[in-house]
């Protein structure tokens, strides 16, 4: 489903309602933290080099960092508890599937078949639920690795993996967009997304283009940039222009939490009048904000942030949020796969 169609809400519902022994994984650390799961690489001990889906690859050697079926299992060191967890696993949820490479998915398939002693069923008989938007971030594939893998795969995308081509999944698309209410605007966005723009779309957008526009500080336009550091400079410049005193709010880090996986800055500095963007959905009944929702800071103290939500004009005091870093363990006494919080 595209942005705003409820993928995160759906994932949360599945986690809370399923009776199956479940693991949630994602291709990157940040995506795993946001999904409330673990990375595919850490859970399955996947290699960071290219994986070729054969056991007779003449190119494979240590210097090139290429992994084939034999060397994949030589590098995996699962303790008995982890092996038991894989044996009991019933549902594997992979979030942000668009970023998962074809060779990595084939490696996951092979590992599950081997350690579950079920060589003839995809993923060793584990039900797999893929969640994501294929129009968003693609897999990261360095050119030198693609020169090797192109002999085995049509593209780096997960749907060209051997396991998916052998046993295609059922595709279910979430179509209703909850973040926008203007249907005309939604239709234009969808046609842009699908490369199906019509003449009226161009005319409407071109009428809104103002090349000589001089923006004021009150306009609060969003600036799109190519790199994070450019966005940081733009935001800092806008913050520096505000006259009210600044307040800084530092994250409290406990346990194991890799700095690269922080979902936002470790220290947040704000001033009254600053425009902010939420990076997390509100999970309660009210659903006043969502990832990408804009607001303006209306008052600040050392312990309190009050913002006015864009669009509705509603004011709300923000509360501290917690992101959890977890790992999965198998509890033999209960016969359950459990989450262990290792850091926040």
C-alpha atoms as a PDB file:
ATOM      1  CA  UNK A   1       0.000   0.000   0.000  1.00  0.00           C
ATOM      2  CA  UNK A   2       1.033   3.578  -0.641  1.00  0.00           C
ATOM      3  CA  UNK A   3       1.790   6.135   2.084  1.00  0.00           C
ATOM      4  CA  UNK A   4      -1.038   6.744   4.534  1.00  0.00           C
ATOM      5  CA  UNK A   5      -3.028   3.600   3.788  1.00  0.00           C
ATOM      6  CA  UNK A   6      -2.568   2.035   7.225  1.00  0.00           C
ATOM      7  CA  UNK A   7       0.410  -0.318   6.828  1.00  0.00           C
ATOM      8  CA  UNK A   8       1.805   0.539  10.271  1.00  0.00           C
ATOM      9  CA  UNK A   9      -1.634   0.178  11.873  1.00  0.00           C
ATOM     10  CA  UNK A  10      -2.088  -3.171  10.114  1.00  0.00           C
ATOM     11  CA  UNK A  11       1.274  -4.410  11.379  1.00  0.00           C
ATOM     12  CA  UNK A  12       0.391  -3.372  14.932  1.00  0.00           C
ATOM     13  CA  UNK A  13      -2.975  -5.159  14.678  1.00  0.00           C
ATOM     14  CA  UNK A  14      -1.391  -8.397  13.431  1.00  0.00           C
ATOM     15  CA  UNK A  15       1.188  -8.362  16.221  1.00  0.00           C
ATOM     16  CA  UNK A  16      -1.464  -7.874  18.890  1.00  0.00           C
ATOM     17  CA  UNK A  17      -4.065 -10.294  17.566  1.00  0.00           C
ATOM     18  CA  UNK A  18      -2.200 -13.252  16.060  1.00  0.00           C
ATOM     19  CA  UNK A  19      -1.852 -16.456  18.046  1.00  0.00           C
ATOM     20  CA  UNK A  20       1.087 -17.608  15.931  1.00  0.00           C
ATOM     21  CA  UNK A  21       4.699 -17.628  17.087  1.00  0.00           C
ATOM     22  CA  UNK A  22       5.815 -14.445  15.336  1.00  0.00           C
ATOM     23  CA  UNK A  23       8.991 -12.555  14.502  1.00  0.00           C
ATOM     24  CA  UNK A  24       9.032  -9.062  12.936  1.00  0.00           C
ATOM     25  CA  UNK A  25      12.083  -8.128  10.883  1.00  0.00           C
ATOM     26  CA  UNK A  26      13.167  -5.355   8.540  1.00  0.00           C
ATOM     27  CA  UNK A  27      16.128  -4.700   6.206  1.00  0.00           C
ATOM     28  CA  UNK A  28      17.679  -1.777   8.153  1.00  0.00           C
ATOM     29  CA  UNK A  29      18.210  -0.857  11.779  1.00  0.00           C
ATOM     30  CA  UNK A  30      15.965   2.216  11.684  1.00  0.00           C
ATOM     31  CA  UNK A  31      13.189   0.290   9.903  1.00  0.00           C
ATOM     32  CA  UNK A  32      13.469  -2.502  12.482  1.00  0.00           C
ATOM     33  CA  UNK A  33      13.190  -0.059  15.398  1.00  0.00           C
ATOM     34  CA  UNK A  34      10.155   1.618  13.817  1.00  0.00           C
ATOM     35  CA  UNK A  35       8.520  -1.760  13.180  1.00  0.00           C
ATOM     36  CA  UNK A  36       9.252  -2.972  16.691  1.00  0.00           C
ATOM     37  CA  UNK A  37      11.367  -5.843  15.445  1.00  0.00           C
ATOM     38  CA  UNK A  38      14.911  -6.837  14.508  1.00  0.00           C
ATOM     39  CA  UNK A  39      17.031  -6.611  11.381  1.00  0.00           C
ATOM     40  CA  UNK A  40      17.064  -9.508   8.950  1.00  0.00           C
ATOM     41  CA  UNK A  41      20.868  -9.506   9.054  1.00  0.00           C
ATOM     42  CA  UNK A  42      21.108  -9.835  12.835  1.00  0.00           C
ATOM     43  CA  UNK A  43      18.334 -12.402  13.176  1.00  0.00           C
ATOM     44  CA  UNK A  44      19.514 -14.697  10.396  1.00  0.00           C
ATOM     45  CA  UNK A  45      23.246 -13.819  10.549  1.00  0.00           C
ATOM     46  CA  UNK A  46      23.101 -12.828   6.896  1.00  0.00           C
ATOM     47  CA  UNK A  47      26.279 -11.873   5.037  1.00  0.00           C
ATOM     48  CA  UNK A  48      26.808  -8.277   3.929  1.00  0.00           C
ATOM     49  CA  UNK A  49      28.362  -9.372   0.649  1.00  0.00           C
ATOM     50  CA  UNK A  50      26.443 -10.789  -2.317  1.00  0.00           C
ATOM     51  CA  UNK A  51      24.801 -14.185  -1.922  1.00  0.00           C
ATOM     52  CA  UNK A  52      24.697 -16.341  -5.043  1.00  0.00           C
ATOM     53  CA  UNK A  53      21.927 -18.991  -5.035  1.00  0.00           C
ATOM     54  CA  UNK A  54      24.109 -21.914  -6.006  1.00  0.00           C
ATOM     55  CA  UNK A  55      26.450 -24.382  -4.359  1.00  0.00           C
ATOM     56  CA  UNK A  56      28.786 -24.569  -7.350  1.00  0.00           C
ATOM     57  CA  UNK A  57      29.927 -20.995  -7.913  1.00  0.00           C
ATOM     58  CA  UNK A  58      33.413 -20.768  -9.337  1.00  0.00           C
ATOM     59  CA  UNK A  59      33.602 -17.053  -8.498  1.00  0.00           C
ATOM     60  CA  UNK A  60      33.199 -17.565  -4.778  1.00  0.00           C
ATOM     61  CA  UNK A  61      36.287 -16.836  -2.724  1.00  0.00           C
ATOM     62  CA  UNK A  62      37.121 -15.115   0.492  1.00  0.00           C
ATOM     63  CA  UNK A  63      38.760 -12.090  -1.102  1.00  0.00           C
ATOM     64  CA  UNK A  64      35.717 -11.219  -3.201  1.00  0.00           C
ATOM     65  CA  UNK A  65      33.384 -11.634  -0.238  1.00  0.00           C
ATOM     66  CA  UNK A  66      30.935 -13.669  -2.309  1.00  0.00           C
ATOM     67  CA  UNK A  67      28.789 -16.133  -0.385  1.00  0.00           C
ATOM     68  CA  UNK A  68      27.294 -19.293  -1.871  1.00  0.00           C
ATOM     69  CA  UNK A  69      25.146 -21.939  -0.193  1.00  0.00           C
ATOM     70  CA  UNK A  70      28.095 -23.795   1.346  1.00  0.00           C
ATOM     71  CA  UNK A  71      29.888 -20.743   2.736  1.00  0.00           C
ATOM     72  CA  UNK A  72      26.573 -19.311   3.999  1.00  0.00           C
ATOM     73  CA  UNK A  73      26.184 -22.148   6.486  1.00  0.00           C
ATOM     74  CA  UNK A  74      29.862 -22.164   7.417  1.00  0.00           C
ATOM     75  CA  UNK A  75      29.478 -18.577   8.643  1.00  0.00           C
ATOM     76  CA  UNK A  76      26.285 -19.149  10.665  1.00  0.00           C
ATOM     77  CA  UNK A  77      26.718 -19.983  14.339  1.00  0.00           C
ATOM     78  CA  UNK A  78      23.264 -20.618  15.823  1.00  0.00           C
ATOM     79  CA  UNK A  79      23.142 -21.819  19.422  1.00  0.00           C
ATOM     80  CA  UNK A  80      20.615 -24.503  20.321  1.00  0.00           C
ATOM     81  CA  UNK A  81      18.154 -21.902  21.672  1.00  0.00           C
ATOM     82  CA  UNK A  82      18.189 -20.041  18.359  1.00  0.00           C
ATOM     83  CA  UNK A  83      17.717 -23.270  16.433  1.00  0.00           C
ATOM     84  CA  UNK A  84      14.709 -24.082  18.611  1.00  0.00           C
ATOM     85  CA  UNK A  85      13.299 -20.621  17.974  1.00  0.00           C
ATOM     86  CA  UNK A  86      13.540 -21.143  14.216  1.00  0.00           C
ATOM     87  CA  UNK A  87      11.904 -24.557  14.551  1.00  0.00           C
ATOM     88  CA  UNK A  88       8.952 -23.067  16.470  1.00  0.00           C
ATOM     89  CA  UNK A  89       8.579 -19.969  14.267  1.00  0.00           C
ATOM     90  CA  UNK A  90       5.190 -19.841  12.535  1.00  0.00           C
ATOM     91  CA  UNK A  91       4.913 -16.318  11.114  1.00  0.00           C
ATOM     92  CA  UNK A  92       7.727 -14.100   9.825  1.00  0.00           C
ATOM     93  CA  UNK A  93       6.694 -10.493   9.108  1.00  0.00           C
ATOM     94  CA  UNK A  94       9.123  -8.512   6.941  1.00  0.00           C
ATOM     95  CA  UNK A  95       8.457  -4.770   6.939  1.00  0.00           C
ATOM     96  CA  UNK A  96       9.786  -2.328   4.306  1.00  0.00           C
ATOM     97  CA  UNK A  97       9.983  -5.203   1.853  1.00  0.00           C
ATOM     98  CA  UNK A  98      10.842  -2.891  -1.062  1.00  0.00           C
ATOM     99  CA  UNK A  99      14.354  -2.529   0.417  1.00  0.00           C
ATOM    100  CA  UNK A 100      14.993  -6.281   0.729  1.00  0.00           C
ATOM    101  CA  UNK A 101      17.361  -7.587  -1.929  1.00  0.00           C
ATOM    102  CA  UNK A 102      16.513 -10.708  -3.940  1.00  0.00           C
ATOM    103  CA  UNK A 103      19.693 -12.502  -2.863  1.00  0.00           C
ATOM    104  CA  UNK A 104      19.038 -11.756   0.822  1.00  0.00           C
ATOM    105  CA  UNK A 105      15.516 -13.158   0.630  1.00  0.00           C
ATOM    106  CA  UNK A 106      16.855 -16.312  -0.997  1.00  0.00           C
ATOM    107  CA  UNK A 107      19.379 -16.601   1.842  1.00  0.00           C
ATOM    108  CA  UNK A 108      16.558 -16.304   4.415  1.00  0.00           C
ATOM    109  CA  UNK A 109      14.615 -18.987   2.547  1.00  0.00           C
ATOM    110  CA  UNK A 110      17.591 -21.326   2.496  1.00  0.00           C
ATOM    111  CA  UNK A 111      18.378 -20.817   6.199  1.00  0.00           C
ATOM    112  CA  UNK A 112      14.800 -21.547   7.261  1.00  0.00           C
ATOM    113  CA  UNK A 113      14.606 -24.656   5.080  1.00  0.00           C
ATOM    114  CA  UNK A 114      17.886 -25.968   6.486  1.00  0.00           C
ATOM    115  CA  UNK A 115      17.360 -25.312  10.189  1.00  0.00           C
ATOM    116  CA  UNK A 116      13.695 -26.331  10.166  1.00  0.00           C
ATOM    117  CA  UNK A 117      14.648 -29.547   8.318  1.00  0.00           C
ATOM    118  CA  UNK A 118      12.010 -28.795   5.706  1.00  0.00           C
ATOM    119  CA  UNK A 119      13.861 -28.490   2.417  1.00  0.00           C
ATOM    120  CA  UNK A 120      10.891 -28.737   0.081  1.00  0.00           C
ATOM    121  CA  UNK A 121       8.675 -25.880   1.308  1.00  0.00           C
ATOM    122  CA  UNK A 122       9.393 -22.167   0.795  1.00  0.00           C
ATOM    123  CA  UNK A 123      10.881 -20.644   3.950  1.00  0.00           C
ATOM    124  CA  UNK A 124      10.842 -24.072   5.545  1.00  0.00           C
ATOM    125  CA  UNK A 125       7.075 -23.972   5.965  1.00  0.00           C
ATOM    126  CA  UNK A 126       7.002 -20.630   7.807  1.00  0.00           C
ATOM    127  CA  UNK A 127       4.212 -18.266   6.759  1.00  0.00           C
ATOM    128  CA  UNK A 128       5.775 -15.005   5.549  1.00  0.00           C
ATOM    129  CA  UNK A 129       3.963 -11.661   5.467  1.00  0.00           C
ATOM    130  CA  UNK A 130       5.591  -8.908   3.412  1.00  0.00           C
ATOM    131  CA  UNK A 131       4.588  -5.298   4.179  1.00  0.00           C
ATOM    132  CA  UNK A 132       5.726  -2.284   2.197  1.00  0.00           C
ATOM    133  CA  UNK A 133       5.387  -0.034  -0.806  1.00  0.00           C
ATOM    134  CA  UNK A 134       7.292  -1.016  -3.932  1.00  0.00           C
ATOM    135  CA  UNK A 135       7.172   2.589  -5.171  1.00  0.00           C
ATOM    136  CA  UNK A 136       9.288   3.756  -2.245  1.00  0.00           C
ATOM    137  CA  UNK A 137      12.906   2.961  -1.345  1.00  0.00           C
ATOM    138  CA  UNK A 138      14.595   0.334  -3.557  1.00  0.00           C
ATOM    139  CA  UNK A 139      17.199  -2.197  -2.402  1.00  0.00           C
ATOM    140  CA  UNK A 140      20.743  -0.890  -1.961  1.00  0.00           C
ATOM    141  CA  UNK A 141      22.883  -2.685  -4.524  1.00  0.00           C
ATOM    142  CA  UNK A 142      26.485  -1.521  -5.128  1.00  0.00           C
ATOM    143  CA  UNK A 143      27.434  -1.742  -8.770  1.00  0.00           C
ATOM    144  CA  UNK A 144      30.282  -4.201  -8.189  1.00  0.00           C
ATOM    145  CA  UNK A 145      27.919  -6.599  -6.427  1.00  0.00           C
ATOM    146  CA  UNK A 146      25.299  -6.276  -9.172  1.00  0.00           C
ATOM    147  CA  UNK A 147      27.909  -7.223 -11.770  1.00  0.00           C
ATOM    148  CA  UNK A 148      28.066 -10.582  -9.960  1.00  0.00           C
ATOM    149  CA  UNK A 149      24.388 -11.017  -9.107  1.00  0.00           C
ATOM    150  CA  UNK A 150      23.005 -10.002 -12.508  1.00  0.00           C
ATOM    151  CA  UNK A 151      23.917 -13.472 -13.746  1.00  0.00           C
ATOM    152  CA  UNK A 152      21.393 -14.917 -11.268  1.00  0.00           C
ATOM    153  CA  UNK A 153      18.658 -12.281 -10.927  1.00  0.00           C
ATOM    154  CA  UNK A 154      16.567 -10.127 -13.269  1.00  0.00           C
ATOM    155  CA  UNK A 155      16.702  -7.233 -10.803  1.00  0.00           C
ATOM    156  CA  UNK A 156      17.760  -6.616  -7.177  1.00  0.00           C
ATOM    157  CA  UNK A 157      14.090  -6.469  -6.045  1.00  0.00           C
ATOM    158  CA  UNK A 158      12.721  -9.165  -3.750  1.00  0.00           C
ATOM    159  CA  UNK A 159      10.091 -10.282  -6.284  1.00  0.00           C
ATOM    160  CA  UNK A 160      12.857 -11.524  -8.553  1.00  0.00           C
ATOM    161  CA  UNK A 161      14.257 -13.835  -5.869  1.00  0.00           C
ATOM    162  CA  UNK A 162      14.236 -17.541  -6.688  1.00  0.00           C
ATOM    163  CA  UNK A 163      11.856 -18.368  -3.833  1.00  0.00           C
ATOM    164  CA  UNK A 164       9.265 -15.779  -4.867  1.00  0.00           C
ATOM    165  CA  UNK A 165       9.376 -16.790  -8.529  1.00  0.00           C
ATOM    166  CA  UNK A 166       8.911 -20.433  -7.546  1.00  0.00           C
ATOM    167  CA  UNK A 167       6.025 -19.718  -5.185  1.00  0.00           C
ATOM    168  CA  UNK A 168       4.494 -16.252  -5.819  1.00  0.00           C
ATOM    169  CA  UNK A 169       2.763 -14.638  -2.825  1.00  0.00           C
ATOM    170  CA  UNK A 170      -0.783 -13.343  -2.698  1.00  0.00           C
ATOM    171  CA  UNK A 171      -0.757  -9.571  -3.187  1.00  0.00           C
ATOM    172  CA  UNK A 172      -3.239  -7.497  -1.172  1.00  0.00           C
ATOM    173  CA  UNK A 173      -3.227  -3.733  -1.740  1.00  0.00           C
ATOM    174  CA  UNK A 174      -4.430  -1.216   0.846  1.00  0.00           C
ATOM    175  CA  UNK A 175      -6.007   1.529  -1.260  1.00  0.00           C
ATOM    176  CA  UNK A 176      -7.788   3.976   1.056  1.00  0.00           C
ATOM    177  CA  UNK A 177      -5.575   6.937   2.002  1.00  0.00           C
ATOM    178  CA  UNK A 178      -6.225   8.209   5.521  1.00  0.00           C
ATOM    179  CA  UNK A 179      -3.754  11.123   5.552  1.00  0.00           C
ATOM    180  CA  UNK A 180      -5.478  13.142   2.834  1.00  0.00           C
ATOM    181  CA  UNK A 181      -9.145  14.072   2.479  1.00  0.00           C
ATOM    182  CA  UNK A 182      -9.017  16.040  -0.792  1.00  0.00           C
ATOM    183  CA  UNK A 183      -9.942  13.381  -3.340  1.00  0.00           C
ATOM    184  CA  UNK A 184      -8.918  15.541  -6.301  1.00  0.00           C
ATOM    185  CA  UNK A 185      -5.463  15.989  -4.804  1.00  0.00           C
ATOM    186  CA  UNK A 186      -5.254  12.248  -4.037  1.00  0.00           C
ATOM    187  CA  UNK A 187      -6.123  11.420  -7.659  1.00  0.00           C
ATOM    188  CA  UNK A 188      -3.345  13.694  -8.947  1.00  0.00           C
ATOM    189  CA  UNK A 189      -0.833  12.185  -6.525  1.00  0.00           C
ATOM    190  CA  UNK A 190      -1.789   8.664  -7.566  1.00  0.00           C
ATOM    191  CA  UNK A 191      -1.383   9.455 -11.259  1.00  0.00           C
ATOM    192  CA  UNK A 192       2.038  11.000 -10.577  1.00  0.00           C
ATOM    193  CA  UNK A 193       2.994   7.925  -8.588  1.00  0.00           C
ATOM    194  CA  UNK A 194       1.944   5.595 -11.418  1.00  0.00           C
ATOM    195  CA  UNK A 195       3.419   7.750 -14.212  1.00  0.00           C
ATOM    196  CA  UNK A 196      -0.091   8.179 -15.627  1.00  0.00           C
ATOM    197  CA  UNK A 197      -0.498  11.963 -15.541  1.00  0.00           C
ATOM    198  CA  UNK A 198      -3.063  13.501 -17.863  1.00  0.00           C
ATOM    199  CA  UNK A 199      -3.114  16.956 -19.422  1.00  0.00           C
ATOM    200  CA  UNK A 200      -5.395  18.388 -16.723  1.00  0.00           C
ATOM    201  CA  UNK A 201      -2.900  17.341 -14.051  1.00  0.00           C
ATOM    202  CA  UNK A 202      -0.098  19.258 -15.744  1.00  0.00           C
ATOM    203  CA  UNK A 203      -2.331  22.291 -16.199  1.00  0.00           C
ATOM    204  CA  UNK A 204      -3.399  22.352 -12.539  1.00  0.00           C
ATOM    205  CA  UNK A 205       0.149  21.968 -11.243  1.00  0.00           C
ATOM    206  CA  UNK A 206       1.613  24.491 -13.688  1.00  0.00           C
ATOM    207  CA  UNK A 207      -0.944  27.091 -12.555  1.00  0.00           C
ATOM    208  CA  UNK A 208       0.445  26.726  -9.051  1.00  0.00           C
ATOM    209  CA  UNK A 209       4.035  27.226 -10.189  1.00  0.00           C
ATOM    210  CA  UNK A 210       5.292  30.712  -9.292  1.00  0.00           C
ATOM    211  CA  UNK A 211       8.916  31.139 -10.416  1.00  0.00           C
ATOM    212  CA  UNK A 212       9.131  34.729  -9.095  1.00  0.00           C
ATOM    213  CA  UNK A 213       7.647  33.938  -5.688  1.00  0.00           C
ATOM    214  CA  UNK A 214       9.452  35.478  -2.742  1.00  0.00           C
ATOM    215  CA  UNK A 215       8.502  33.521   0.358  1.00  0.00           C
ATOM    216  CA  UNK A 216       8.239  35.000   3.816  1.00  0.00           C
ATOM    217  CA  UNK A 217       9.076  33.320   7.109  1.00  0.00           C
ATOM    218  CA  UNK A 218       5.364  32.938   7.826  1.00  0.00           C
ATOM    219  CA  UNK A 219       4.714  30.808   4.752  1.00  0.00           C
ATOM    220  CA  UNK A 220       6.371  27.744   6.329  1.00  0.00           C
ATOM    221  CA  UNK A 221       7.089  26.028   3.037  1.00  0.00           C
ATOM    222  CA  UNK A 222       8.669  22.595   3.024  1.00  0.00           C
ATOM    223  CA  UNK A 223      12.079  22.552   1.329  1.00  0.00           C
ATOM    224  CA  UNK A 224      13.008  19.345  -0.502  1.00  0.00           C
ATOM    225  CA  UNK A 225      16.743  18.624  -0.631  1.00  0.00           C
ATOM    226  CA  UNK A 226      18.948  15.840  -1.931  1.00  0.00           C
ATOM    227  CA  UNK A 227      20.868  15.143   1.294  1.00  0.00           C
ATOM    228  CA  UNK A 228      20.150  15.038   5.014  1.00  0.00           C
ATOM    229  CA  UNK A 229      22.894  17.525   5.879  1.00  0.00           C
ATOM    230  CA  UNK A 230      21.331  20.121   3.562  1.00  0.00           C
ATOM    231  CA  UNK A 231      17.999  19.664   5.314  1.00  0.00           C
ATOM    232  CA  UNK A 232      19.763  20.046   8.673  1.00  0.00           C
ATOM    233  CA  UNK A 233      21.327  23.338   7.554  1.00  0.00           C
ATOM    234  CA  UNK A 234      17.971  24.649   6.315  1.00  0.00           C
ATOM    235  CA  UNK A 235      16.232  23.721   9.558  1.00  0.00           C
ATOM    236  CA  UNK A 236      18.986  25.202  11.717  1.00  0.00           C
ATOM    237  CA  UNK A 237      18.890  28.444   9.706  1.00  0.00           C
ATOM    238  CA  UNK A 238      15.132  28.737  10.228  1.00  0.00           C
ATOM    239  CA  UNK A 239      15.508  28.006  13.938  1.00  0.00           C
ATOM    240  CA  UNK A 240      18.259  30.628  14.334  1.00  0.00           C
ATOM    241  CA  UNK A 241      15.966  33.328  12.934  1.00  0.00           C
ATOM    242  CA  UNK A 242      13.471  32.880  15.775  1.00  0.00           C
ATOM    243  CA  UNK A 243      13.977  35.325  18.638  1.00  0.00           C
ATOM    244  CA  UNK A 244      12.579  33.360  21.576  1.00  0.00           C
ATOM    245  CA  UNK A 245      14.983  31.418  23.830  1.00  0.00           C
ATOM    246  CA  UNK A 246      15.877  27.891  22.786  1.00  0.00           C
ATOM    247  CA  UNK A 247      15.217  24.752  24.792  1.00  0.00           C
ATOM    248  CA  UNK A 248      17.032  21.464  24.345  1.00  0.00           C
ATOM    249  CA  UNK A 249      15.605  18.036  25.033  1.00  0.00           C
ATOM    250  CA  UNK A 250      18.030  15.108  25.244  1.00  0.00           C
ATOM    251  CA  UNK A 251      17.048  11.516  24.604  1.00  0.00           C
ATOM    252  CA  UNK A 252      17.583   9.045  27.425  1.00  0.00           C
ATOM    253  CA  UNK A 253      19.519   6.067  26.067  1.00  0.00           C
ATOM    254  CA  UNK A 254      19.495   2.835  28.046  1.00  0.00           C
ATOM    255  CA  UNK A 255      21.039  -0.540  27.327  1.00  0.00           C
ATOM    256  CA  UNK A 256      22.061  -1.467  23.786  1.00  0.00           C
ATOM    257  CA  UNK A 257      20.973   1.021  21.135  1.00  0.00           C
ATOM    258  CA  UNK A 258      23.220   1.683  18.143  1.00  0.00           C
ATOM    259  CA  UNK A 259      23.472   5.393  17.380  1.00  0.00           C
ATOM    260  CA  UNK A 260      23.021   4.640  13.667  1.00  0.00           C
ATOM    261  CA  UNK A 261      19.544   3.313  14.461  1.00  0.00           C
ATOM    262  CA  UNK A 262      18.279   6.378  16.323  1.00  0.00           C
ATOM    263  CA  UNK A 263      14.925   7.298  14.731  1.00  0.00           C
ATOM    264  CA  UNK A 264      15.621  11.011  15.260  1.00  0.00           C
ATOM    265  CA  UNK A 265      18.292  13.346  16.650  1.00  0.00           C
ATOM    266  CA  UNK A 266      19.617  12.461  20.091  1.00  0.00           C
ATOM    267  CA  UNK A 267      19.220  16.082  21.144  1.00  0.00           C
ATOM    268  CA  UNK A 268      16.266  18.158  19.966  1.00  0.00           C
ATOM    269  CA  UNK A 269      16.558  21.960  20.135  1.00  0.00           C
ATOM    270  CA  UNK A 270      13.397  24.028  19.703  1.00  0.00           C
ATOM    271  CA  UNK A 271      12.125  27.589  19.920  1.00  0.00           C
ATOM    272  CA  UNK A 272       8.624  28.996  20.102  1.00  0.00           C
ATOM    273  CA  UNK A 273       7.375  29.401  16.530  1.00  0.00           C
ATOM    274  CA  UNK A 274       9.455  26.525  15.146  1.00  0.00           C
ATOM    275  CA  UNK A 275       7.770  24.274  12.606  1.00  0.00           C
ATOM    276  CA  UNK A 276       8.146  20.593  13.485  1.00  0.00           C
ATOM    277  CA  UNK A 277       7.224  17.285  11.894  1.00  0.00           C
ATOM    278  CA  UNK A 278       6.087  14.152  13.710  1.00  0.00           C
ATOM    279  CA  UNK A 279       8.092  10.991  12.945  1.00  0.00           C
ATOM    280  CA  UNK A 280       5.741   8.514  14.611  1.00  0.00           C
ATOM    281  CA  UNK A 281       2.046   7.679  14.421  1.00  0.00           C
ATOM    282  CA  UNK A 282      -0.165   8.246  17.451  1.00  0.00           C
ATOM    283  CA  UNK A 283      -1.274   4.752  18.413  1.00  0.00           C
ATOM    284  CA  UNK A 284      -4.187   5.670  20.663  1.00  0.00           C
ATOM    285  CA  UNK A 285      -7.826   6.219  19.788  1.00  0.00           C
ATOM    286  CA  UNK A 286      -7.474   9.938  18.974  1.00  0.00           C
ATOM    287  CA  UNK A 287      -4.904   9.588  16.157  1.00  0.00           C
ATOM    288  CA  UNK A 288      -4.271  13.334  16.189  1.00  0.00           C
ATOM    289  CA  UNK A 289      -0.924  13.017  14.459  1.00  0.00           C
ATOM    290  CA  UNK A 290       0.942  10.641  12.167  1.00  0.00           C
ATOM    291  CA  UNK A 291       4.375  10.252  10.625  1.00  0.00           C
ATOM    292  CA  UNK A 292       4.812  13.386   8.483  1.00  0.00           C
ATOM    293  CA  UNK A 293       2.201  15.544  10.243  1.00  0.00           C
ATOM    294  CA  UNK A 294       3.276  19.197  10.643  1.00  0.00           C
ATOM    295  CA  UNK A 295       2.832  21.415  13.675  1.00  0.00           C
ATOM    296  CA  UNK A 296       4.135  24.691  15.133  1.00  0.00           C
ATOM    297  CA  UNK A 297       5.572  25.060  18.628  1.00  0.00           C
ATOM    298  CA  UNK A 298       3.378  27.496  20.619  1.00  0.00           C
ATOM    299  CA  UNK A 299       4.976  27.269  24.073  1.00  0.00           C
ATOM    300  CA  UNK A 300       8.019  25.730  25.714  1.00  0.00           C
ATOM    301  CA  UNK A 301       9.478  25.026  29.119  1.00  0.00           C
ATOM    302  CA  UNK A 302      12.272  22.701  30.212  1.00  0.00           C
ATOM    303  CA  UNK A 303       9.704  19.930  30.701  1.00  0.00           C
ATOM    304  CA  UNK A 304       6.852  20.755  28.350  1.00  0.00           C
ATOM    305  CA  UNK A 305       6.292  21.233  24.610  1.00  0.00           C
ATOM    306  CA  UNK A 306       2.951  22.484  23.282  1.00  0.00           C
ATOM    307  CA  UNK A 307       2.279  22.521  19.552  1.00  0.00           C
ATOM    308  CA  UNK A 308      -0.529  23.576  17.247  1.00  0.00           C
ATOM    309  CA  UNK A 309      -1.340  20.943  14.638  1.00  0.00           C
ATOM    310  CA  UNK A 310      -1.446  22.125  11.039  1.00  0.00           C
ATOM    311  CA  UNK A 311      -4.837  21.958   9.392  1.00  0.00           C
ATOM    312  CA  UNK A 312      -6.959  21.466  12.502  1.00  0.00           C
ATOM    313  CA  UNK A 313      -5.396  24.172  14.636  1.00  0.00           C
ATOM    314  CA  UNK A 314      -5.693  21.851  17.644  1.00  0.00           C
ATOM    315  CA  UNK A 315      -3.192  22.449  20.434  1.00  0.00           C
ATOM    316  CA  UNK A 316      -1.667  19.557  22.332  1.00  0.00           C
ATOM    317  CA  UNK A 317       1.088  18.962  24.841  1.00  0.00           C
ATOM    318  CA  UNK A 318       3.576  16.389  23.621  1.00  0.00           C
ATOM    319  CA  UNK A 319       4.518  13.358  25.666  1.00  0.00           C
ATOM    320  CA  UNK A 320       7.762  11.438  25.690  1.00  0.00           C
ATOM    321  CA  UNK A 321       7.918   8.520  23.268  1.00  0.00           C
ATOM    322  CA  UNK A 322       9.901   5.316  23.613  1.00  0.00           C
ATOM    323  CA  UNK A 323      11.581   3.353  20.842  1.00  0.00           C
ATOM    324  CA  UNK A 324      12.602  -0.161  21.852  1.00  0.00           C
ATOM    325  CA  UNK A 325      15.548  -2.233  20.699  1.00  0.00           C
ATOM    326  CA  UNK A 326      14.635  -5.892  21.117  1.00  0.00           C
ATOM    327  CA  UNK A 327      15.782  -9.407  20.439  1.00  0.00           C
ATOM    328  CA  UNK A 328      13.770 -12.602  20.244  1.00  0.00           C
ATOM    329  CA  UNK A 329      14.177 -15.557  22.597  1.00  0.00           C
ATOM    330  CA  UNK A 330      12.383 -18.872  22.860  1.00  0.00           C
ATOM    331  CA  UNK A 331      10.832 -19.619  26.267  1.00  0.00           C
ATOM    332  CA  UNK A 332      10.797 -23.419  26.464  1.00  0.00           C
ATOM    333  CA  UNK A 333       8.669 -23.488  29.624  1.00  0.00           C
ATOM    334  CA  UNK A 334       5.893 -21.430  28.053  1.00  0.00           C
ATOM    335  CA  UNK A 335       6.483 -22.732  24.544  1.00  0.00           C
ATOM    336  CA  UNK A 336       6.516 -19.176  23.210  1.00  0.00           C
ATOM    337  CA  UNK A 337       8.734 -16.816  21.250  1.00  0.00           C
ATOM    338  CA  UNK A 338       9.247 -13.765  23.461  1.00  0.00           C
ATOM    339  CA  UNK A 339      10.609 -10.257  22.970  1.00  0.00           C
ATOM    340  CA  UNK A 340      13.462  -9.168  25.212  1.00  0.00           C
ATOM    341  CA  UNK A 341      14.026  -5.430  25.494  1.00  0.00           C
ATOM    342  CA  UNK A 342      17.784  -4.826  25.311  1.00  0.00           C
ATOM    343  CA  UNK A 343      17.743  -1.056  24.953  1.00  0.00           C
ATOM    344  CA  UNK A 344      15.584   2.064  24.581  1.00  0.00           C
END
